[in-house]
């Protein structure tokens, strides 16, 4: 599976962006896909994930109510709609995928995902 993330950019606080993650290769039934981000000097952190079987979606507390994760399986693409952006959302955003169906308690761990996109920069100015 190859993942390509795009859609980042520079936006003012309060603005919106939509990130996309296009999957190629073996794309049938990717059970879990998610977004992580890494700000300068910080470790990579979980943002949002969606897993089949429910479907189940989870968000880190700081983005709840502002970000929405979704998938279009026909297009092999995952999205992250980001609204009401804040300067603290500034980071490189990475998409990730797992071909197994991770247990729910592991979905927010970056180690769960063997496949990663290259990252897309999101910068929110104040």
Protein backbone atom coordinates (compact mmCIF):
# COMPACT_ATOMS: atom_id res chain seq x y z
CA UNK A 1 0.00 0.00 0.00
CA UNK A 2 1.29 3.44 -0.93
CA UNK A 3 -0.20 6.53 0.65
CA UNK A 4 0.03 10.09 -0.57
CA UNK A 5 -1.16 12.97 1.57
CA UNK A 6 -1.92 16.39 0.18
CA UNK A 7 -4.06 19.45 0.79
CA UNK A 8 -1.97 21.25 3.38
CA UNK A 9 -1.18 24.93 3.23
CA UNK A 10 -1.11 28.24 5.03
CA UNK A 11 -4.37 29.46 6.57
CA UNK A 12 -5.37 32.08 9.09
CA UNK A 13 -6.71 31.11 12.47
CA UNK A 14 -10.39 30.26 12.21
CA UNK A 15 -10.03 29.05 8.66
CA UNK A 16 -10.49 25.60 7.15
CA UNK A 17 -8.50 23.05 5.16
CA UNK A 18 -9.29 19.61 3.87
CA UNK A 19 -6.51 17.07 3.74
CA UNK A 20 -6.67 14.07 1.45
CA UNK A 21 -4.84 10.76 1.58
CA UNK A 22 -4.89 8.71 -1.60
CA UNK A 23 -4.12 5.00 -1.33
CA UNK A 24 -2.72 2.90 -4.15
CA UNK A 25 -1.58 -0.69 -4.45
CA UNK A 26 -3.56 -3.12 -2.36
CA UNK A 27 -6.46 -0.93 -1.39
CA UNK A 28 -9.38 -3.30 -1.06
CA UNK A 29 -10.70 -3.28 2.45
CA UNK A 30 -8.10 -1.30 4.36
CA UNK A 31 -9.62 -1.74 7.81
CA UNK A 32 -7.98 1.18 9.58
CA UNK A 33 -6.74 4.55 8.39
CA UNK A 34 -5.82 7.55 10.41
CA UNK A 35 -4.13 10.90 10.68
CA UNK A 36 -1.21 11.85 12.89
CA UNK A 37 0.70 15.11 13.13
CA UNK A 38 4.11 16.27 14.25
CA UNK A 39 4.97 19.82 15.23
CA UNK A 40 8.59 21.02 15.37
CA UNK A 41 10.31 19.68 18.46
CA UNK A 42 7.40 17.42 19.34
CA UNK A 43 6.73 13.74 18.93
CA UNK A 44 4.25 12.49 16.38
CA UNK A 45 0.77 12.52 17.90
CA UNK A 46 -2.55 10.96 17.08
CA UNK A 47 -5.23 13.14 15.49
CA UNK A 48 -8.06 10.95 14.16
CA UNK A 49 -8.75 7.42 13.00
CA UNK A 50 -11.49 5.43 11.37
CA UNK A 51 -11.79 1.66 11.54
CA UNK A 52 -14.23 -0.70 9.90
CA UNK A 53 -16.55 -2.90 11.90
CA UNK A 54 -18.60 -0.08 13.35
CA UNK A 55 -17.44 2.02 11.74
CA UNK A 56 -15.44 3.46 14.59
CA UNK A 57 -14.03 6.95 14.59
CA UNK A 58 -11.87 8.52 17.27
CA UNK A 59 -10.38 11.95 17.70
CA UNK A 60 -7.84 13.43 20.02
CA UNK A 61 -9.56 15.77 22.46
CA UNK A 62 -8.03 18.94 21.06
CA UNK A 63 -9.69 18.51 17.65
CA UNK A 64 -13.09 17.13 18.65
CA UNK A 65 -15.87 19.22 17.19
CA UNK A 66 -13.50 20.88 14.72
CA UNK A 67 -12.05 18.04 12.63
CA UNK A 68 -13.92 15.31 10.76
CA UNK A 69 -12.36 12.17 9.34
CA UNK A 70 -14.02 10.36 6.46
CA UNK A 71 -13.33 7.84 3.72
CA UNK A 72 -14.47 7.40 0.14
CA UNK A 73 -13.75 3.74 -0.51
CA UNK A 74 -14.70 4.05 -4.19
CA UNK A 75 -11.87 6.57 -4.60
CA UNK A 76 -9.49 4.86 -2.16
CA UNK A 77 -9.19 8.18 -0.41
CA UNK A 78 -9.39 9.34 3.18
CA UNK A 79 -10.08 12.93 4.18
CA UNK A 80 -9.59 15.16 7.17
CA UNK A 81 -11.83 18.21 7.18
CA UNK A 82 -10.31 20.76 9.53
CA UNK A 83 -12.42 23.71 10.63
CA UNK A 84 -11.83 26.49 13.14
CA UNK A 85 -8.12 26.00 12.82
CA UNK A 86 -5.84 27.26 15.58
CA UNK A 87 -2.13 28.13 15.53
CA UNK A 88 -1.49 25.08 17.71
CA UNK A 89 -2.75 22.89 14.86
CA UNK A 90 0.38 23.82 12.91
CA UNK A 91 2.27 20.63 12.09
CA UNK A 92 3.13 18.16 9.39
CA UNK A 93 0.14 15.87 8.98
CA UNK A 94 0.70 12.22 8.09
CA UNK A 95 -1.81 9.64 7.00
CA UNK A 96 -1.39 6.03 8.01
CA UNK A 97 -2.99 2.68 7.28
CA UNK A 98 -3.15 -0.84 8.61
CA UNK A 99 -4.17 -3.88 6.58
CA UNK A 100 -5.07 -5.79 9.69
CA UNK A 101 -7.99 -4.84 11.86
CA UNK A 102 -6.35 -3.37 14.94
CA UNK A 103 -8.05 -3.74 18.27
CA UNK A 104 -9.77 -0.53 19.30
CA UNK A 105 -7.38 0.19 22.13
CA UNK A 106 -4.43 0.31 19.72
CA UNK A 107 -5.91 2.63 17.13
CA UNK A 108 -4.35 5.78 18.59
CA UNK A 109 -0.82 4.39 18.62
CA UNK A 110 1.45 5.22 15.70
CA UNK A 111 3.11 1.82 16.05
CA UNK A 112 -0.12 0.16 14.93
CA UNK A 113 0.29 1.43 11.37
CA UNK A 114 2.93 -0.01 9.03
CA UNK A 115 2.03 2.21 6.09
CA UNK A 116 2.60 5.97 6.06
CA UNK A 117 2.25 8.83 3.62
CA UNK A 118 4.93 11.46 3.16
CA UNK A 119 3.22 14.20 5.16
CA UNK A 120 1.70 17.53 4.25
CA UNK A 121 2.45 20.80 6.02
CA UNK A 122 -0.35 22.71 7.71
CA UNK A 123 0.49 26.19 8.98
CA UNK A 124 -2.06 28.27 10.87
CA UNK A 125 -1.20 31.92 11.39
CA UNK A 126 -2.59 33.95 14.27
